[in-house]
Amino acid sequence: MKAQETKTDQSALAKIGYSSLSDNEIVGLEEKFGANHYGRLKTVVRKAEGAWLYTQDGKRILDCLAAYSAANPGHHHPKIAQAAIDSIKGNFCSVLSNVVYTDVLAKFLEKAATILPQLAPRFGSGGNKVLPKNGGVESVETAIKLARYFGFKHKGIQDGKQEIIVFGNNFHGRMITVVSFSSSKKYKEGFGPLTPGFVEVPYGDLEAVKKAVTPNTCGILVEPMQGEGGMYIPPEGFLKGLRELCDEKDMLLLADEIQVGMGRTGKTFCFEHEGVVPDAVILGKAISGGLAPLSVMVTNSELMDMAFSPGSDGSTFGGYPFACACGLAALQVMEDEKLVQRSADTGKILKEKIMDIASRSPHVKEVRGKGLFIGIEVKSGDAMVFCRKLLDLNLLANDSHHHTIRISPPLIINDEEVDYIVERLEKVLVG
C-alpha cells in the first residue's frame, strides 16, 4: 500500500511544472552549475498563472514582483500564451536571417511605433521607427548609440567626446557600458576599464543638470520613475525641465520606461504624468507579456534614419517572429483589458491602504509610488527582513536599493488579491 501511495505521489508531483525533482535537488543543481549572481530566496516555483506562483507542495504565493514588470498582464495570460502556441503550430515563429522580411515583425513594428505619440517632434512629423532587441539593457545601449551619433552627426561633436547626463541611483541594466555609469559599486568594481562619456547628477535636481551641460553634451538618459534606485518619483516639473533644457541646448531626451512603462504607473507611459514627449523611449519586459525576450528603442523616423544604416546595428534574435507574436498579443491585451486604467484604479486603492498601515507602523519611513508601482521604505534600511517575513505568509516581494519594499504585482489583480496583500503587510509592518 505504501509503495502504491509513493508511486501516486511521485506521479502527481511530476504534473506540477517541468520535472519531479525535489526542491533540494533543484537548488543543488543551480548552486553547482549556475553562476552565483543573484541573492536567492530558497523557494522553487513550479507553475505560474495569473498573479499566483505555485510550489511542489501545493503552496500558492501571490507575486508582488511580476518579474520587475515583465508580467504586467499576469503569468501565462491565455491570449498571449495562445499566440505563442499558434506561432509554433503555424510554423512562423522560427528565428530567420534579417536579410528577409516577415509579416509578424512588420505588424509588431507598426504597433510599437504607433502606440507612442510622435517622438522628437522638432525633427519632423513623419512618424516613429522601432529598433528591436532581446532585453532592456540592449535597447538602452541602442539609445546611447543614437544619442552619441546625434551628437557627432548633428551637433558636430568630435567623435569620442560625446557626453550623456545620467542620474544617481540609476538602474539601466548590467552590461559594461551601462554599469560604467551606475552609482552601485558592486555593479562595476573589478570590471574595468569602464566606458567613459557619462556625467552623473542627483536624480530630481534640475539645477545640477543645467550645470552639467557642456558643448559636448548630446543627451540625457532618465527613468521617469526610479525602480531599482528606491522607487523614487522625481519632483513635479523635473521632466518638463529636462524637456525644455534639451530643446534649448539641442540634446536628446532618452526615457527608460522598461520597468515603468506599459501601464505600470497608471499611465500607458510614465512620462505622460508630466505631459512631456521624449525624443526616444526604451521599452522591454511587459512588451511581450513575459513570455519571450523582447525590447525596443523607439524614436522619430528622422533620427533613426540618421543614426542607423545597414551594418551599423543588428541582433540575430532581436524582434524575431516568436517574440513579436507574443508582443502583438501583449499589446492587444493591454488595450482590450484596459490594464492601464486598472493599474491606476487598483493602485490608488492599494496605496491608500498601505498609507494607512504606514501611519500605524513603527517600521515605515515613507510610502512612494504611482499606479501599481509602490515602494515602502523602512526605517531600519533592511527591507529584505520584511520581504522574508512576507514570503513566509505566501507573498513574494523584494527590496529596492536595500531600504524599500517593492510592491508591483501584475496589473490584473482583483479586490480580493488587494486585500490579501494588505492583510500580510499589516501583519509584517504593524503586527
Protein backbone atom coordinates (compact mmCIF):
# COMPACT_ATOMS: atom_id res chain seq x y z
CA MET A 1 0.00 0.00 0.00
CA LYS A 2 2.80 2.39 0.91
CA ALA A 3 4.59 1.62 -2.37
CA GLN A 4 1.40 2.44 -4.29
CA GLU A 5 0.96 5.69 -2.37
CA THR A 6 4.57 6.69 -3.11
CA LYS A 7 4.10 5.97 -6.80
CA THR A 8 0.92 8.04 -6.87
CA ASP A 9 2.58 10.91 -5.02
CA GLN A 10 5.52 10.96 -7.44
CA SER A 11 3.18 10.88 -10.41
CA ALA A 12 1.22 13.83 -9.03
CA LEU A 13 4.38 15.79 -8.35
CA ALA A 14 5.59 15.27 -11.91
CA LYS A 15 2.48 17.03 -13.20
CA ILE A 16 3.46 20.28 -11.48
CA GLY A 17 5.92 22.11 -13.65
CA TYR A 18 8.73 20.62 -15.71
CA SER A 19 10.09 17.78 -13.59
CA SER A 20 9.61 15.72 -10.46
CA LEU A 21 12.97 16.71 -8.99
CA SER A 22 12.76 17.67 -5.34
CA ASP A 23 13.26 21.28 -4.29
CA ASN A 24 16.59 20.38 -2.68
CA GLU A 25 17.78 18.71 -5.88
CA ILE A 26 16.87 21.78 -7.94
CA VAL A 27 18.61 24.17 -5.56
CA GLY A 28 21.64 21.87 -5.52
CA LEU A 29 21.86 21.76 -9.32
CA GLU A 30 21.60 25.54 -9.63
CA GLU A 31 24.23 26.11 -6.97
CA LYS A 32 26.58 23.58 -8.56
CA PHE A 33 26.20 24.57 -12.21
CA GLY A 34 24.91 28.16 -12.16
CA ALA A 35 26.65 31.49 -11.59
CA ASN A 36 26.08 32.85 -8.11
CA HIS A 37 24.96 36.29 -9.33
CA TYR A 38 21.62 36.61 -7.56
CA GLY A 39 20.72 36.62 -3.90
CA ARG A 40 18.09 33.90 -3.91
CA LEU A 41 15.14 33.01 -1.74
CA LYS A 42 15.04 29.22 -1.41
CA THR A 43 11.62 28.87 -2.92
CA VAL A 44 11.20 26.74 -6.03
CA VAL A 45 8.33 27.86 -8.25
CA ARG A 46 6.86 25.08 -10.42
CA LYS A 47 3.98 26.91 -12.04
CA ALA A 48 2.85 30.49 -12.60
CA GLU A 49 -0.64 31.56 -13.52
CA GLY A 50 -2.26 34.98 -13.34
CA ALA A 51 -0.94 36.73 -10.24
CA TRP A 52 -0.01 33.48 -8.49
CA LEU A 53 3.02 31.21 -8.17
CA TYR A 54 2.80 27.54 -7.16
CA THR A 55 5.28 25.27 -5.37
CA GLN A 56 5.64 21.48 -5.39
CA ASP A 57 3.80 21.05 -2.10
CA GLY A 58 0.78 22.95 -3.41
CA LYS A 59 1.58 26.28 -1.77
CA ARG A 60 0.16 29.31 -3.57
CA ILE A 61 2.16 32.56 -3.43
CA LEU A 62 0.91 35.96 -4.60
CA ASP A 63 3.51 37.51 -6.90
CA CYS A 64 4.16 41.13 -5.92
CA LEU A 65 7.18 41.45 -8.20
CA ALA A 66 5.73 40.49 -11.58
CA ALA A 67 9.35 39.89 -12.66
CA TYR A 68 10.06 43.62 -12.31
CA SER A 69 7.08 44.49 -14.55
CA ALA A 70 7.68 41.80 -17.18
CA ALA A 71 4.47 40.01 -16.15
CA ASN A 72 2.17 43.05 -16.19
CA PRO A 73 -0.70 41.11 -17.86
CA GLY A 74 -0.20 38.19 -15.45
CA HIS A 75 1.66 34.94 -15.91
CA HIS A 76 0.67 32.82 -18.90
CA HIS A 77 -2.12 35.13 -19.94
CA PRO A 78 -4.34 32.83 -22.06
CA LYS A 79 -4.43 35.14 -25.10
CA ILE A 80 -0.67 35.71 -25.11
CA ALA A 81 0.01 32.02 -24.48
CA GLN A 82 -2.34 31.12 -27.34
CA ALA A 83 -0.50 33.48 -29.67
CA ALA A 84 2.74 31.71 -28.73
CA ILE A 85 1.18 28.28 -29.35
CA ASP A 86 -0.32 29.40 -32.68
CA SER A 87 3.04 30.72 -33.85
CA ILE A 88 4.66 27.35 -33.17
CA LYS A 89 1.87 25.31 -34.72
CA GLY A 90 1.75 27.65 -37.70
CA ASN A 91 5.48 27.30 -38.35
CA PHE A 92 6.08 31.04 -38.47
CA CYS A 93 7.94 31.53 -35.19
CA SER A 94 11.46 30.35 -36.01
CA VAL A 95 14.35 32.79 -36.00
CA LEU A 96 15.18 33.85 -39.57
CA SER A 97 18.01 35.78 -41.13
CA ASN A 98 17.38 39.52 -41.05
CA VAL A 99 18.05 39.68 -44.79
CA VAL A 100 14.40 38.72 -45.35
CA TYR A 101 11.10 40.25 -44.21
CA THR A 102 8.37 38.68 -42.05
CA ASP A 103 4.80 39.84 -41.63
CA VAL A 104 4.78 39.34 -37.86
CA LEU A 105 7.78 41.65 -37.39
CA ALA A 106 6.23 44.22 -39.71
CA LYS A 107 2.97 44.23 -37.74
CA PHE A 108 4.79 44.42 -34.42
CA LEU A 109 6.94 47.36 -35.55
CA GLU A 110 3.81 49.20 -36.67
CA LYS A 111 2.10 48.59 -33.33
CA ALA A 112 5.13 49.55 -31.23
CA ALA A 113 5.71 52.71 -33.28
CA THR A 114 2.12 53.92 -33.15
CA ILE A 115 1.30 53.18 -29.52
CA LEU A 116 3.59 56.10 -28.68
CA PRO A 117 2.99 59.75 -29.57
CA GLN A 118 5.17 61.38 -32.21
CA LEU A 119 8.59 61.39 -30.56
CA ALA A 120 11.08 64.22 -31.06
CA PRO A 121 8.50 66.32 -32.96
CA ARG A 122 11.02 69.10 -33.54
CA PHE A 123 12.70 66.76 -36.04
CA GLY A 124 9.52 66.25 -38.04
CA SER A 125 6.11 64.57 -38.01
CA GLY A 126 6.93 61.61 -40.21
CA GLY A 127 6.15 59.07 -37.50
CA ASN A 128 8.29 56.86 -35.28
CA LYS A 129 10.60 53.98 -36.09
CA VAL A 130 11.49 50.97 -33.92
CA LEU A 131 14.74 49.06 -33.44
CA PRO A 132 14.04 45.76 -31.63
CA LYS A 133 16.41 43.82 -29.39
CA ASN A 134 16.15 41.00 -26.84
CA GLY A 135 16.40 42.67 -23.44
CA GLY A 136 16.08 46.11 -21.94
CA VAL A 137 19.79 46.74 -21.44
CA GLU A 138 20.42 46.11 -25.15
CA SER A 139 17.87 48.78 -26.04
CA VAL A 140 19.41 51.16 -23.50
CA GLU A 141 22.71 50.79 -25.32
CA THR A 142 20.90 51.33 -28.62
CA ALA A 143 19.57 54.63 -27.26
CA ILE A 144 23.10 55.57 -26.15
CA LYS A 145 24.32 54.89 -29.69
CA LEU A 146 21.52 57.08 -31.04
CA ALA A 147 22.43 59.99 -28.77
CA ARG A 148 26.16 59.70 -29.47
CA TYR A 149 25.67 59.56 -33.23
CA PHE A 150 23.30 62.53 -33.00
CA GLY A 151 25.99 64.45 -31.15
CA PHE A 152 28.58 63.52 -33.78
CA LYS A 153 26.49 64.00 -36.92
CA HIS A 154 24.01 66.70 -35.96
CA LYS A 155 25.89 68.74 -33.36
CA GLY A 156 29.38 68.29 -34.76
CA ILE A 157 30.89 66.96 -31.52
CA GLN A 158 34.23 65.26 -32.09
CA ASP A 159 33.69 61.51 -32.08
CA GLY A 160 34.74 60.14 -28.72
CA LYS A 161 33.98 63.39 -26.90
CA GLN A 162 30.18 62.98 -26.71
CA GLU A 163 28.70 63.15 -23.20
CA ILE A 164 25.39 61.91 -21.81
CA ILE A 165 23.94 63.07 -18.49
CA VAL A 166 22.68 60.28 -16.20
CA PHE A 167 21.32 60.23 -12.64
CA GLY A 168 22.37 58.96 -9.24
CA ASN A 169 20.93 55.59 -8.17
CA ASN A 170 20.06 54.85 -11.79
CA PHE A 171 19.43 51.33 -13.00
CA HIS A 172 19.54 50.65 -16.73
CA GLY A 173 20.98 47.12 -16.73
CA ARG A 174 24.33 45.45 -16.19
CA MET A 175 26.23 45.43 -19.48
CA ILE A 176 29.71 47.02 -19.39
CA THR A 177 28.76 50.39 -20.88
CA VAL A 178 25.69 50.69 -18.65
CA VAL A 179 27.39 49.69 -15.41
CA SER A 180 30.08 52.22 -16.23
CA PHE A 181 27.69 54.96 -15.10
CA SER A 182 25.97 53.04 -12.31
CA SER A 183 26.04 54.50 -8.80
CA SER A 184 26.39 51.00 -7.37
CA LYS A 185 29.98 49.96 -6.64
CA LYS A 186 29.14 46.26 -6.77
CA TYR A 187 27.85 46.56 -10.34
CA LYS A 188 31.18 47.78 -11.72
CA GLU A 189 34.08 47.10 -9.35
CA GLY A 190 36.64 44.83 -11.00
CA PHE A 191 35.02 45.03 -14.43
CA GLY A 192 37.12 47.89 -15.77
CA PRO A 193 38.20 49.55 -17.93
CA LEU A 194 34.81 51.23 -17.90
CA THR A 195 33.19 53.19 -20.70
CA PRO A 196 33.67 56.98 -20.46
CA GLY A 197 31.31 59.70 -21.66
CA PHE A 198 28.75 59.89 -18.85
CA VAL A 199 28.17 62.61 -16.27
CA GLU A 200 26.17 61.75 -13.15
CA VAL A 201 23.98 64.25 -11.29
CA PRO A 202 21.48 63.77 -8.42
CA TYR A 203 18.07 62.46 -9.50
CA GLY A 204 15.47 65.20 -9.49
CA ASP A 205 17.96 68.07 -9.29
CA LEU A 206 17.26 70.20 -12.36
CA GLU A 207 19.81 72.87 -11.43
CA ALA A 208 22.54 70.23 -11.22
CA VAL A 209 21.58 69.04 -14.69
CA LYS A 210 21.87 72.57 -16.09
CA LYS A 211 25.32 72.99 -14.56
CA ALA A 212 26.45 69.65 -16.01
CA VAL A 213 25.67 70.61 -19.62
CA THR A 214 28.71 71.32 -21.79
CA PRO A 215 29.16 71.83 -25.55
CA ASN A 216 29.80 68.06 -25.74
CA THR A 217 26.51 67.05 -24.08
CA CYS A 218 24.35 65.22 -26.60
CA GLY A 219 21.64 63.68 -24.43
CA ILE A 220 20.02 62.99 -21.07
CA LEU A 221 19.10 59.42 -20.07
CA VAL A 222 16.41 59.30 -17.39
CA GLU A 223 14.00 56.91 -15.71
CA PRO A 224 10.70 58.84 -15.37
CA MET A 225 10.40 57.00 -12.05
CA GLN A 226 13.23 55.05 -10.48
CA GLY A 227 12.63 51.39 -9.69
CA GLU A 228 15.84 49.74 -8.53
CA GLY A 229 17.10 53.08 -7.22
CA GLY A 230 14.46 53.14 -4.50
CA MET A 231 11.04 53.59 -6.13
CA TYR A 232 11.52 57.36 -6.36
CA ILE A 233 9.19 59.82 -8.07
CA PRO A 234 11.02 62.92 -9.35
CA PRO A 235 9.86 66.36 -8.14
CA GLU A 236 6.95 67.87 -10.05
CA GLY A 237 8.22 69.75 -13.07
CA PHE A 238 11.50 67.84 -13.28
CA LEU A 239 10.74 66.02 -16.52
CA LYS A 240 9.31 69.19 -18.05
CA GLY A 241 12.50 70.98 -17.08
CA LEU A 242 14.58 68.30 -18.78
CA ARG A 243 12.43 68.60 -21.90
CA GLU A 244 12.86 72.37 -22.02
CA LEU A 245 16.61 72.09 -21.44
CA CYS A 246 17.01 69.53 -24.23
CA ASP A 247 15.09 71.77 -26.62
CA GLU A 248 17.17 74.80 -25.62
CA LYS A 249 20.56 73.05 -25.85
CA ASP A 250 19.69 70.76 -28.81
CA MET A 251 20.07 67.49 -26.91
CA LEU A 252 18.10 64.25 -26.94
CA LEU A 253 15.88 63.26 -24.01
CA LEU A 254 16.00 59.46 -23.64
CA ALA A 255 13.31 57.89 -21.42
CA ASP A 256 13.96 54.43 -19.97
CA GLU A 257 10.45 53.02 -19.48
CA ILE A 258 11.49 49.38 -19.19
CA GLN A 259 10.03 48.96 -15.68
CA VAL A 260 7.61 51.88 -15.50
CA GLY A 261 6.03 51.75 -18.96
CA MET A 262 3.18 49.65 -20.34
CA GLY A 263 0.64 50.72 -17.73
CA ARG A 264 2.71 50.06 -14.61
CA THR A 265 2.27 53.55 -13.07
CA GLY A 266 -1.34 54.12 -14.12
CA LYS A 267 -0.47 55.68 -17.48
CA THR A 268 0.49 53.82 -20.63
CA PHE A 269 3.90 55.50 -20.28
CA CYS A 270 5.24 57.08 -17.13
CA PHE A 271 6.35 60.27 -18.92
CA GLU A 272 2.67 61.03 -19.54
CA HIS A 273 2.26 62.02 -15.89
CA GLU A 274 4.02 65.29 -16.72
CA GLY A 275 2.76 65.60 -20.27
CA VAL A 276 6.24 65.58 -21.82
CA VAL A 277 7.27 63.89 -25.05
CA PRO A 278 10.76 62.31 -25.08
CA ASP A 279 12.97 62.06 -28.14
CA ALA A 280 13.45 58.32 -27.68
CA VAL A 281 11.74 55.72 -25.50
CA ILE A 282 13.13 52.38 -24.32
CA LEU A 283 10.63 49.59 -23.64
CA GLY A 284 11.07 45.98 -22.60
CA LYS A 285 9.79 43.40 -20.11
CA ALA A 286 5.99 43.72 -20.36
CA ILE A 287 6.06 44.45 -24.09
CA SER A 288 5.98 40.69 -24.73
CA GLY A 289 3.78 39.77 -21.79
CA GLY A 290 6.63 37.98 -20.04
CA LEU A 291 6.74 35.06 -22.48
CA ALA A 292 9.68 35.97 -24.70
CA PRO A 293 12.75 38.22 -24.56
CA LEU A 294 11.88 41.43 -26.40
CA SER A 295 12.75 45.10 -26.12
CA VAL A 296 12.67 48.16 -28.34
CA MET A 297 14.17 51.59 -28.76
CA VAL A 298 11.67 53.90 -30.45
CA THR A 299 12.44 57.34 -31.84
CA ASN A 300 11.49 59.81 -34.57
CA SER A 301 11.97 58.30 -38.03
CA GLU A 302 14.36 61.11 -39.00
CA LEU A 303 16.61 60.42 -36.01
CA MET A 304 16.52 56.66 -36.56
CA ASP A 305 17.50 57.04 -40.21
CA MET A 306 20.27 59.48 -39.26
CA ALA A 307 21.89 57.12 -36.75
CA PHE A 308 21.37 53.64 -38.18
CA SER A 309 22.10 52.21 -41.60
CA PRO A 310 22.81 48.65 -42.81
CA GLY A 311 25.70 47.25 -40.80
CA SER A 312 25.64 49.84 -38.02
CA ASP A 313 23.49 47.68 -35.75
CA GLY A 314 21.93 44.26 -35.63
CA SER A 315 20.66 41.38 -33.49
CA THR A 316 20.08 37.76 -34.52
CA PHE A 317 17.13 37.23 -32.18
CA GLY A 318 16.12 40.88 -31.80
CA GLY A 319 12.49 41.09 -32.88
CA TYR A 320 12.35 37.51 -34.14
CA PRO A 321 8.88 36.15 -35.12
CA PHE A 322 8.06 34.24 -31.91
CA ALA A 323 8.83 37.24 -29.71
CA CYS A 324 6.86 39.56 -31.99
CA ALA A 325 3.83 37.25 -31.95
CA CYS A 326 3.89 37.41 -28.14
CA GLY A 327 4.43 41.17 -28.28
CA LEU A 328 1.47 41.81 -30.56
CA ALA A 329 -0.78 39.76 -28.28
CA ALA A 330 0.54 41.51 -25.15
CA LEU A 331 -0.11 44.96 -26.59
CA GLN A 332 -3.61 43.91 -27.62
CA VAL A 333 -4.34 42.51 -24.15
CA MET A 334 -3.23 45.79 -22.57
CA GLU A 335 -5.79 47.64 -24.69
CA ASP A 336 -8.64 45.12 -24.58
CA GLU A 337 -8.50 44.58 -20.82
CA LYS A 338 -7.85 48.26 -20.03
CA LEU A 339 -4.82 47.36 -17.92
CA VAL A 340 -3.67 50.96 -17.74
CA GLN A 341 -6.89 52.09 -16.09
CA ARG A 342 -6.93 49.02 -13.86
CA SER A 343 -3.42 49.89 -12.71
CA ALA A 344 -4.46 53.45 -11.94
CA ASP A 345 -7.65 52.49 -10.10
CA THR A 346 -6.34 49.46 -8.21
CA GLY A 347 -3.06 51.20 -7.44
CA LYS A 348 -4.86 54.14 -5.88
CA ILE A 349 -6.84 51.84 -3.58
CA LEU A 350 -3.81 49.74 -2.66
CA LYS A 351 -1.60 52.75 -1.96
CA GLU A 352 -4.27 54.32 0.30
CA LYS A 353 -4.47 51.10 2.30
CA ILE A 354 -0.66 50.91 2.54
CA MET A 355 -0.53 54.54 3.67
CA ASP A 356 -2.95 53.63 6.46
CA ILE A 357 -0.68 50.77 7.51
CA ALA A 358 2.32 53.11 7.40
CA SER A 359 0.58 55.58 9.70
CA ARG A 360 0.34 52.84 12.35
CA SER A 361 3.66 51.09 11.73
CA PRO A 362 6.80 51.67 13.80
CA HIS A 363 8.86 50.43 10.84
CA VAL A 364 7.76 52.55 7.86
CA LYS A 365 9.65 55.69 6.92
CA GLU A 366 7.83 56.61 3.68
CA VAL A 367 5.47 55.25 1.03
CA ARG A 368 6.08 56.23 -2.60
CA GLY A 369 4.63 55.32 -5.96
CA LYS A 370 2.04 55.63 -8.69
CA GLY A 371 -0.32 53.03 -10.06
CA LEU A 372 0.81 49.54 -9.11
CA PHE A 373 4.41 50.65 -8.63
CA ILE A 374 4.64 51.20 -4.88
CA GLY A 375 7.63 51.36 -2.58
CA ILE A 376 7.59 51.14 1.23
CA GLU A 377 10.83 52.49 2.71
CA VAL A 378 11.65 51.07 6.12
CA LYS A 379 13.48 52.91 8.89
CA SER A 380 15.96 50.10 9.50
CA GLY A 381 17.26 50.27 5.93
CA ASP A 382 16.94 46.48 5.55
CA ALA A 383 13.79 45.77 3.56
CA MET A 384 14.67 42.12 2.94
CA VAL A 385 13.94 41.31 6.58
CA PHE A 386 10.32 42.17 5.88
CA CYS A 387 10.32 40.54 2.44
CA ARG A 388 11.33 37.22 4.01
CA LYS A 389 8.50 37.52 6.51
CA LEU A 390 6.09 38.25 3.67
CA LEU A 391 7.27 35.14 1.84
CA ASP A 392 6.52 33.10 4.97
CA LEU A 393 2.98 34.44 4.55
CA ASN A 394 2.91 33.38 0.88
CA LEU A 395 3.56 36.78 -0.69
CA LEU A 396 6.61 37.36 -2.89
CA ALA A 397 8.22 40.81 -2.67
CA ASN A 398 11.75 42.10 -2.96
CA ASP A 399 13.80 45.08 -1.91
CA SER A 400 14.62 48.18 -3.91
CA HIS A 401 18.02 49.71 -3.09
CA HIS A 402 18.06 47.69 0.16
CA HIS A 403 15.81 50.08 2.09
CA THR A 404 12.48 49.81 0.27
CA ILE A 405 9.92 47.02 -0.10
CA ARG A 406 8.79 46.86 -3.72
CA ILE A 407 5.10 46.16 -4.28
CA SER A 408 4.47 45.74 -8.01
CA PRO A 409 2.04 42.89 -8.69
CA PRO A 410 0.61 42.03 -12.12
CA LEU A 411 -1.85 44.69 -13.29
CA ILE A 412 -4.69 42.15 -13.32
CA ILE A 413 -5.00 41.82 -9.54
CA ASN A 414 -8.55 42.00 -8.18
CA ASP A 415 -10.08 43.31 -4.96
CA GLU A 416 -9.56 40.02 -3.10
CA GLU A 417 -5.90 39.99 -4.05
CA VAL A 418 -5.52 43.59 -2.91
CA ASP A 419 -6.93 42.55 0.46
CA TYR A 420 -4.54 39.58 0.50
CA ILE A 421 -1.57 41.94 0.07
CA VAL A 422 -2.84 44.40 2.67
CA GLU A 423 -3.51 41.71 5.29
CA ARG A 424 0.06 40.42 5.02
CA LEU A 425 1.64 43.86 5.03
CA GLU A 426 -0.40 44.61 8.13
CA LYS A 427 0.94 41.52 9.91
CA VAL A 428 4.55 42.23 8.99
CA LEU A 429 4.65 46.01 9.42
CA VAL A 430 2.21 46.53 12.28
CA GLY A 431 1.92 43.16 13.99
